[in-house]
Amino acid sequence: MIKVICNGEVKETDCRTLLEFLREKGLVTDDPKSLFGFAVGVNDEVISKKDFDQYILRENDVIEIFTMVAGG
């Protein structure tokens, strides 16, 4: 188990990759459309959606999840 900081909150997780972590949080499902509407940065670097499954989480990674909101 490692600790990461997600949107300012310390979280403990057994997830190995960023994709697993996003699934654990309920942001990503098996539906490809679930990848739309948000962006993720780790340690001040934007991670491409195609790399979510390859990004290995490390102790004390700082993860920021940005969701898109429509408005006028």
PDB file of N, CA and C in Angstrom:
ATOM      1  N   MET A   1       0.852  -1.180   0.000  1.00  0.00           N
ATOM      2  CA  MET A   1       0.000   0.000   0.000  1.00  0.00           C
ATOM      3  C   MET A   1       0.893   1.237   0.000  1.00  0.00           C
ATOM      4  N   ILE A   2       0.498   2.224  -0.817  1.00  0.00           N
ATOM      5  CA  ILE A   2       1.225   3.488  -0.853  1.00  0.00           C
ATOM      6  C   ILE A   2       0.268   4.633  -0.549  1.00  0.00           C
ATOM      7  N   LYS A   3       0.854   5.765  -0.198  1.00  0.00           N
ATOM      8  CA  LYS A   3       0.077   6.980   0.015  1.00  0.00           C
ATOM      9  C   LYS A   3       0.326   7.912  -1.158  1.00  0.00           C
ATOM     10  N   VAL A   4      -0.768   8.472  -1.668  1.00  0.00           N
ATOM     11  CA  VAL A   4      -0.697   9.512  -2.698  1.00  0.00           C
ATOM     12  C   VAL A   4      -1.556  10.673  -2.226  1.00  0.00           C
ATOM     13  N   ILE A   5      -1.346  11.817  -2.823  1.00  0.00           N
ATOM     14  CA  ILE A   5      -2.164  12.980  -2.510  1.00  0.00           C
ATOM     15  C   ILE A   5      -3.005  13.267  -3.743  1.00  0.00           C
ATOM     16  N   CYS A   6      -4.320  13.165  -3.590  1.00  0.00           N
ATOM     17  CA  CYS A   6      -5.238  13.356  -4.717  1.00  0.00           C
ATOM     18  C   CYS A   6      -6.135  14.551  -4.428  1.00  0.00           C
ATOM     19  N   ASN A   7      -5.997  15.579  -5.243  1.00  0.00           N
ATOM     20  CA  ASN A   7      -6.760  16.817  -5.066  1.00  0.00           C
ATOM     21  C   ASN A   7      -6.686  17.321  -3.628  1.00  0.00           C
ATOM     22  N   GLY A   8      -5.474  17.263  -3.073  1.00  0.00           N
ATOM     23  CA  GLY A   8      -5.215  17.805  -1.746  1.00  0.00           C
ATOM     24  C   GLY A   8      -5.481  16.868  -0.583  1.00  0.00           C
ATOM     25  N   GLU A   9      -5.996  15.665  -0.842  1.00  0.00           N
ATOM     26  CA  GLU A   9      -6.296  14.714   0.229  1.00  0.00           C
ATOM     27  C   GLU A   9      -5.359  13.513   0.154  1.00  0.00           C
ATOM     28  N   VAL A  10      -4.846  13.115   1.305  1.00  0.00           N
ATOM     29  CA  VAL A  10      -3.993  11.923   1.362  1.00  0.00           C
ATOM     30  C   VAL A  10      -4.873  10.688   1.209  1.00  0.00           C
ATOM     31  N   LYS A  11      -4.495   9.816   0.293  1.00  0.00           N
ATOM     32  CA  LYS A  11      -5.233   8.573   0.032  1.00  0.00           C
ATOM     33  C   LYS A  11      -4.249   7.404   0.099  1.00  0.00           C
ATOM     34  N   GLU A  12      -4.695   6.304   0.673  1.00  0.00           N
ATOM     35  CA  GLU A  12      -3.920   5.068   0.639  1.00  0.00           C
ATOM     36  C   GLU A  12      -4.514   4.181  -0.435  1.00  0.00           C
ATOM     37  N   THR A  13      -3.633   3.543  -1.213  1.00  0.00           N
ATOM     38  CA  THR A  13      -4.117   2.712  -2.309  1.00  0.00           C
ATOM     39  C   THR A  13      -3.190   1.530  -2.544  1.00  0.00           C
ATOM     40  N   ASP A  14      -3.773   0.462  -3.036  1.00  0.00           N
ATOM     41  CA  ASP A  14      -3.011  -0.702  -3.484  1.00  0.00           C
ATOM     42  C   ASP A  14      -2.832  -0.668  -5.000  1.00  0.00           C
ATOM     43  N   CYS A  15      -3.349   0.350  -5.637  1.00  0.00           N
ATOM     44  CA  CYS A  15      -3.279   0.442  -7.098  1.00  0.00           C
ATOM     45  C   CYS A  15      -1.829   0.614  -7.538  1.00  0.00           C
ATOM     46  N   ARG A  16      -1.510  -0.049  -8.633  1.00  0.00           N
ATOM     47  CA  ARG A  16      -0.163   0.022  -9.182  1.00  0.00           C
ATOM     48  C   ARG A  16      -0.042   1.123 -10.228  1.00  0.00           C
ATOM     49  N   THR A  17      -1.086   1.280 -11.048  1.00  0.00           N
ATOM     50  CA  THR A  17      -1.028   2.266 -12.125  1.00  0.00           C
ATOM     51  C   THR A  17      -2.049   3.373 -11.900  1.00  0.00           C
ATOM     52  N   LEU A  18      -1.857   4.443 -12.645  1.00  0.00           N
ATOM     53  CA  LEU A  18      -2.798   5.557 -12.591  1.00  0.00           C
ATOM     54  C   LEU A  18      -4.179   5.112 -13.060  1.00  0.00           C
ATOM     55  N   LEU A  19      -4.236   4.277 -14.092  1.00  0.00           N
ATOM     56  CA  LEU A  19      -5.526   3.786 -14.586  1.00  0.00           C
ATOM     57  C   LEU A  19      -6.265   3.017 -13.493  1.00  0.00           C
ATOM     58  N   GLU A  20      -5.569   2.149 -12.770  1.00  0.00           N
ATOM     59  CA  GLU A  20      -6.208   1.399 -11.675  1.00  0.00           C
ATOM     60  C   GLU A  20      -6.746   2.360 -10.616  1.00  0.00           C
ATOM     61  N   PHE A  21      -5.975   3.394 -10.305  1.00  0.00           N
ATOM     62  CA  PHE A  21      -6.400   4.373  -9.303  1.00  0.00           C
ATOM     63  C   PHE A  21      -7.658   5.105  -9.759  1.00  0.00           C
ATOM     64  N   LEU A  22      -7.696   5.503 -11.032  1.00  0.00           N
ATOM     65  CA  LEU A  22      -8.868   6.210 -11.559  1.00  0.00           C
ATOM     66  C   LEU A  22     -10.088   5.295 -11.594  1.00  0.00           C
ATOM     67  N   ARG A  23      -9.881   4.014 -11.853  1.00  0.00           N
ATOM     68  CA  ARG A  23     -10.996   3.050 -11.784  1.00  0.00           C
ATOM     69  C   ARG A  23     -11.483   2.914 -10.350  1.00  0.00           C
ATOM     70  N   GLU A  24     -10.545   2.838  -9.408  1.00  0.00           N
ATOM     71  CA  GLU A  24     -10.904   2.730  -7.991  1.00  0.00           C
ATOM     72  C   GLU A  24     -11.742   3.929  -7.549  1.00  0.00           C
ATOM     73  N   LYS A  25     -11.437   5.103  -8.070  1.00  0.00           N
ATOM     74  CA  LYS A  25     -12.190   6.317  -7.733  1.00  0.00           C
ATOM     75  C   LYS A  25     -13.497   6.422  -8.502  1.00  0.00           C
ATOM     76  N   GLY A  26     -13.730   5.517  -9.463  1.00  0.00           N
ATOM     77  CA  GLY A  26     -14.973   5.516 -10.221  1.00  0.00           C
ATOM     78  C   GLY A  26     -14.993   6.455 -11.410  1.00  0.00           C
ATOM     79  N   LEU A  27     -13.847   7.017 -11.761  1.00  0.00           N
ATOM     80  CA  LEU A  27     -13.786   7.937 -12.896  1.00  0.00           C
ATOM     81  C   LEU A  27     -13.710   7.220 -14.232  1.00  0.00           C
ATOM     82  N   VAL A  28     -13.117   6.043 -14.252  1.00  0.00           N
ATOM     83  CA  VAL A  28     -12.934   5.290 -15.495  1.00  0.00           C
ATOM     84  C   VAL A  28     -13.628   3.946 -15.352  1.00  0.00           C
ATOM     85  N   THR A  29     -14.368   3.578 -16.390  1.00  0.00           N
ATOM     86  CA  THR A  29     -15.025   2.272 -16.446  1.00  0.00           C
ATOM     87  C   THR A  29     -14.575   1.576 -17.725  1.00  0.00           C
ATOM     88  N   ASP A  30     -15.224   0.473 -18.059  1.00  0.00           N
ATOM     89  CA  ASP A  30     -14.922  -0.223 -19.310  1.00  0.00           C
ATOM     90  C   ASP A  30     -15.472   0.511 -20.525  1.00  0.00           C
ATOM     91  N   ASP A  31     -16.343   1.475 -20.306  1.00  0.00           N
ATOM     92  CA  ASP A  31     -16.906   2.272 -21.400  1.00  0.00           C
ATOM     93  C   ASP A  31     -15.860   3.298 -21.850  1.00  0.00           C
ATOM     94  N   PRO A  32     -15.422   3.260 -23.108  1.00  0.00           N
ATOM     95  CA  PRO A  32     -14.418   4.214 -23.588  1.00  0.00           C
ATOM     96  C   PRO A  32     -14.828   5.676 -23.402  1.00  0.00           C
ATOM     97  N   LYS A  33     -16.123   5.937 -23.374  1.00  0.00           N
ATOM     98  CA  LYS A  33     -16.598   7.311 -23.174  1.00  0.00           C
ATOM     99  C   LYS A  33     -16.272   7.836 -21.778  1.00  0.00           C
ATOM    100  N   SER A  34     -15.962   6.941 -20.836  1.00  0.00           N
ATOM    101  CA  SER A  34     -15.652   7.382 -19.483  1.00  0.00           C
ATOM    102  C   SER A  34     -14.331   8.146 -19.427  1.00  0.00           C
ATOM    103  N   LEU A  35     -13.535   8.077 -20.491  1.00  0.00           N
ATOM    104  CA  LEU A  35     -12.265   8.800 -20.522  1.00  0.00           C
ATOM    105  C   LEU A  35     -12.422  10.262 -20.920  1.00  0.00           C
ATOM    106  N   PHE A  36     -13.640  10.677 -21.289  1.00  0.00           N
ATOM    107  CA  PHE A  36     -13.872  12.059 -21.691  1.00  0.00           C
ATOM    108  C   PHE A  36     -14.271  12.911 -20.491  1.00  0.00           C
ATOM    109  N   GLY A  37     -13.971  14.199 -20.559  1.00  0.00           N
ATOM    110  CA  GLY A  37     -14.467  15.141 -19.570  1.00  0.00           C
ATOM    111  C   GLY A  37     -13.557  15.410 -18.389  1.00  0.00           C
ATOM    112  N   PHE A  38     -12.341  14.882 -18.408  1.00  0.00           N
ATOM    113  CA  PHE A  38     -11.424  15.179 -17.315  1.00  0.00           C
ATOM    114  C   PHE A  38      -9.980  15.061 -17.796  1.00  0.00           C
ATOM    115  N   ALA A  39      -9.081  15.665 -17.038  1.00  0.00           N
ATOM    116  CA  ALA A  39      -7.645  15.577 -17.299  1.00  0.00           C
ATOM    117  C   ALA A  39      -6.962  15.270 -15.975  1.00  0.00           C
ATOM    118  N   VAL A  40      -5.776  14.674 -16.057  1.00  0.00           N
ATOM    119  CA  VAL A  40      -5.058  14.286 -14.847  1.00  0.00           C
ATOM    120  C   VAL A  40      -3.616  14.773 -14.936  1.00  0.00           C
ATOM    121  N   GLY A  41      -3.166  15.370 -13.856  1.00  0.00           N
ATOM    122  CA  GLY A  41      -1.765  15.747 -13.716  1.00  0.00           C
ATOM    123  C   GLY A  41      -1.176  15.008 -12.532  1.00  0.00           C
ATOM    124  N   VAL A  42       0.063  14.585 -12.670  1.00  0.00           N
ATOM    125  CA  VAL A  42       0.781  13.950 -11.564  1.00  0.00           C
ATOM    126  C   VAL A  42       2.101  14.696 -11.394  1.00  0.00           C
ATOM    127  N   ASN A  43       2.320  15.198 -10.193  1.00  0.00           N
ATOM    128  CA  ASN A  43       3.550  15.945  -9.883  1.00  0.00           C
ATOM    129  C   ASN A  43       3.787  17.059 -10.906  1.00  0.00           C
ATOM    130  N   ASP A  44       2.726  17.822 -11.187  1.00  0.00           N
ATOM    131  CA  ASP A  44       2.763  18.983 -12.083  1.00  0.00           C
ATOM    132  C   ASP A  44       3.011  18.638 -13.549  1.00  0.00           C
ATOM    133  N   GLU A  45       2.751  17.393 -13.949  1.00  0.00           N
ATOM    134  CA  GLU A  45       2.894  16.994 -15.346  1.00  0.00           C
ATOM    135  C   GLU A  45       1.583  16.366 -15.811  1.00  0.00           C
ATOM    136  N   VAL A  46       1.049  16.857 -16.920  1.00  0.00           N
ATOM    137  CA  VAL A  46      -0.186  16.292 -17.466  1.00  0.00           C
ATOM    138  C   VAL A  46       0.131  14.918 -18.037  1.00  0.00           C
ATOM    139  N   ILE A  47      -0.700  13.928 -17.684  1.00  0.00           N
ATOM    140  CA  ILE A  47      -0.519  12.560 -18.163  1.00  0.00           C
ATOM    141  C   ILE A  47      -1.537  12.308 -19.271  1.00  0.00           C
ATOM    142  N   SER A  48      -1.046  11.898 -20.428  1.00  0.00           N
ATOM    143  CA  SER A  48      -1.917  11.584 -21.552  1.00  0.00           C
ATOM    144  C   SER A  48      -2.791  10.380 -21.214  1.00  0.00           C
ATOM    145  N   LYS A  49      -4.033  10.412 -21.650  1.00  0.00           N
ATOM    146  CA  LYS A  49      -4.945   9.302 -21.382  1.00  0.00           C
ATOM    147  C   LYS A  49      -4.390   7.971 -21.897  1.00  0.00           C
ATOM    148  N   LYS A  50      -3.675   8.006 -23.008  1.00  0.00           N
ATOM    149  CA  LYS A  50      -3.112   6.770 -23.550  1.00  0.00           C
ATOM    150  C   LYS A  50      -2.016   6.195 -22.656  1.00  0.00           C
ATOM    151  N   ASP A  51      -1.515   7.006 -21.712  1.00  0.00           N
ATOM    152  CA  ASP A  51      -0.454   6.556 -20.809  1.00  0.00           C
ATOM    153  C   ASP A  51      -0.948   6.199 -19.410  1.00  0.00           C
ATOM    154  N   PHE A  52      -2.259   6.339 -19.156  1.00  0.00           N
ATOM    155  CA  PHE A  52      -2.789   6.041 -17.822  1.00  0.00           C
ATOM    156  C   PHE A  52      -2.401   4.642 -17.358  1.00  0.00           C
ATOM    157  N   ASP A  53      -2.451   3.674 -18.261  1.00  0.00           N
ATOM    158  CA  ASP A  53      -2.171   2.286 -17.863  1.00  0.00           C
ATOM    159  C   ASP A  53      -0.682   2.003 -17.715  1.00  0.00           C
ATOM    160  N   GLN A  54       0.160   2.908 -18.177  1.00  0.00           N
ATOM    161  CA  GLN A  54       1.604   2.708 -18.086  1.00  0.00           C
ATOM    162  C   GLN A  54       2.243   3.537 -16.978  1.00  0.00           C
ATOM    163  N   TYR A  55       1.505   4.514 -16.464  1.00  0.00           N
ATOM    164  CA  TYR A  55       2.068   5.371 -15.412  1.00  0.00           C
ATOM    165  C   TYR A  55       2.024   4.630 -14.084  1.00  0.00           C
ATOM    166  N   ILE A  56       3.184   4.321 -13.533  1.00  0.00           N
ATOM    167  CA  ILE A  56       3.286   3.595 -12.262  1.00  0.00           C
ATOM    168  C   ILE A  56       3.250   4.606 -11.113  1.00  0.00           C
ATOM    169  N   LEU A  57       2.315   4.415 -10.207  1.00  0.00           N
ATOM    170  CA  LEU A  57       2.199   5.296  -9.045  1.00  0.00           C
ATOM    171  C   LEU A  57       3.348   5.049  -8.073  1.00  0.00           C
ATOM    172  N   ARG A  58       3.784   6.138  -7.463  1.00  0.00           N
ATOM    173  CA  ARG A  58       4.866   6.068  -6.475  1.00  0.00           C
ATOM    174  C   ARG A  58       4.409   6.747  -5.185  1.00  0.00           C
ATOM    175  N   GLU A  59       5.036   6.364  -4.096  1.00  0.00           N
ATOM    176  CA  GLU A  59       4.744   6.960  -2.790  1.00  0.00           C
ATOM    177  C   GLU A  59       4.817   8.485  -2.892  1.00  0.00           C
ATOM    178  N   ASN A  60       3.795   9.147  -2.356  1.00  0.00           N
ATOM    179  CA  ASN A  60       3.701  10.608  -2.274  1.00  0.00           C
ATOM    180  C   ASN A  60       3.506  11.312  -3.610  1.00  0.00           C
ATOM    181  N   ASP A  61       3.101  10.585  -4.663  1.00  0.00           N
ATOM    182  CA  ASP A  61       2.721  11.257  -5.906  1.00  0.00           C
ATOM    183  C   ASP A  61       1.590  12.234  -5.604  1.00  0.00           C
ATOM    184  N   VAL A  62       1.632  13.390  -6.255  1.00  0.00           N
ATOM    185  CA  VAL A  62       0.575  14.386  -6.113  1.00  0.00           C
ATOM    186  C   VAL A  62      -0.263  14.347  -7.396  1.00  0.00           C
ATOM    187  N   ILE A  63      -1.497  13.863  -7.243  1.00  0.00           N
ATOM    188  CA  ILE A  63      -2.402  13.680  -8.378  1.00  0.00           C
ATOM    189  C   ILE A  63      -3.472  14.763  -8.331  1.00  0.00           C
ATOM    190  N   GLU A  64      -3.630  15.460  -9.446  1.00  0.00           N
ATOM    191  CA  GLU A  64      -4.689  16.461  -9.570  1.00  0.00           C
ATOM    192  C   GLU A  64      -5.619  16.010 -10.684  1.00  0.00           C
ATOM    193  N   ILE A  65      -6.900  15.910 -10.375  1.00  0.00           N
ATOM    194  CA  ILE A  65      -7.906  15.523 -11.360  1.00  0.00           C
ATOM    195  C   ILE A  65      -8.763  16.742 -11.655  1.00  0.00           C
ATOM    196  N   PHE A  66      -8.795  17.113 -12.937  1.00  0.00           N
ATOM    197  CA  PHE A  66      -9.544  18.293 -13.380  1.00  0.00           C
ATOM    198  C   PHE A  66     -10.732  17.811 -14.205  1.00  0.00           C
ATOM    199  N   THR A  67     -11.940  18.198 -13.805  1.00  0.00           N
ATOM    200  CA  THR A  67     -13.127  17.827 -14.568  1.00  0.00           C
ATOM    201  C   THR A  67     -13.611  19.041 -15.343  1.00  0.00           C
ATOM    202  N   MET A  68     -14.133  18.764 -16.528  1.00  0.00           N
ATOM    203  CA  MET A  68     -14.648  19.826 -17.385  1.00  0.00           C
ATOM    204  C   MET A  68     -16.093  20.144 -16.981  1.00  0.00           C
ATOM    205  N   VAL A  69     -16.409  21.421 -16.928  1.00  0.00           N
ATOM    206  CA  VAL A  69     -17.752  21.853 -16.566  1.00  0.00           C
ATOM    207  C   VAL A  69     -18.238  22.832 -17.623  1.00  0.00           C
ATOM    208  N   ALA A  70     -19.408  22.580 -18.150  1.00  0.00           N
ATOM    209  CA  ALA A  70     -20.001  23.490 -19.139  1.00  0.00           C
ATOM    210  C   ALA A  70     -20.779  24.579 -18.419  1.00  0.00           C
ATOM    211  N   GLY A  71     -20.769  25.713 -18.969  1.00  0.00           N
ATOM    212  CA  GLY A  71     -21.517  26.801 -18.354  1.00  0.00           C
ATOM    213  C   GLY A  71     -21.516  28.021 -19.241  1.00  0.00           C
ATOM    214  N   GLY A  72     -22.182  29.019 -18.793  1.00  0.00           N
ATOM    215  CA  GLY A  72     -22.274  30.213 -19.636  1.00  0.00           C
ATOM    216  C   GLY A  72     -22.039  31.447 -18.938  1.00  0.00           C
TER     217      GLY A  72
END
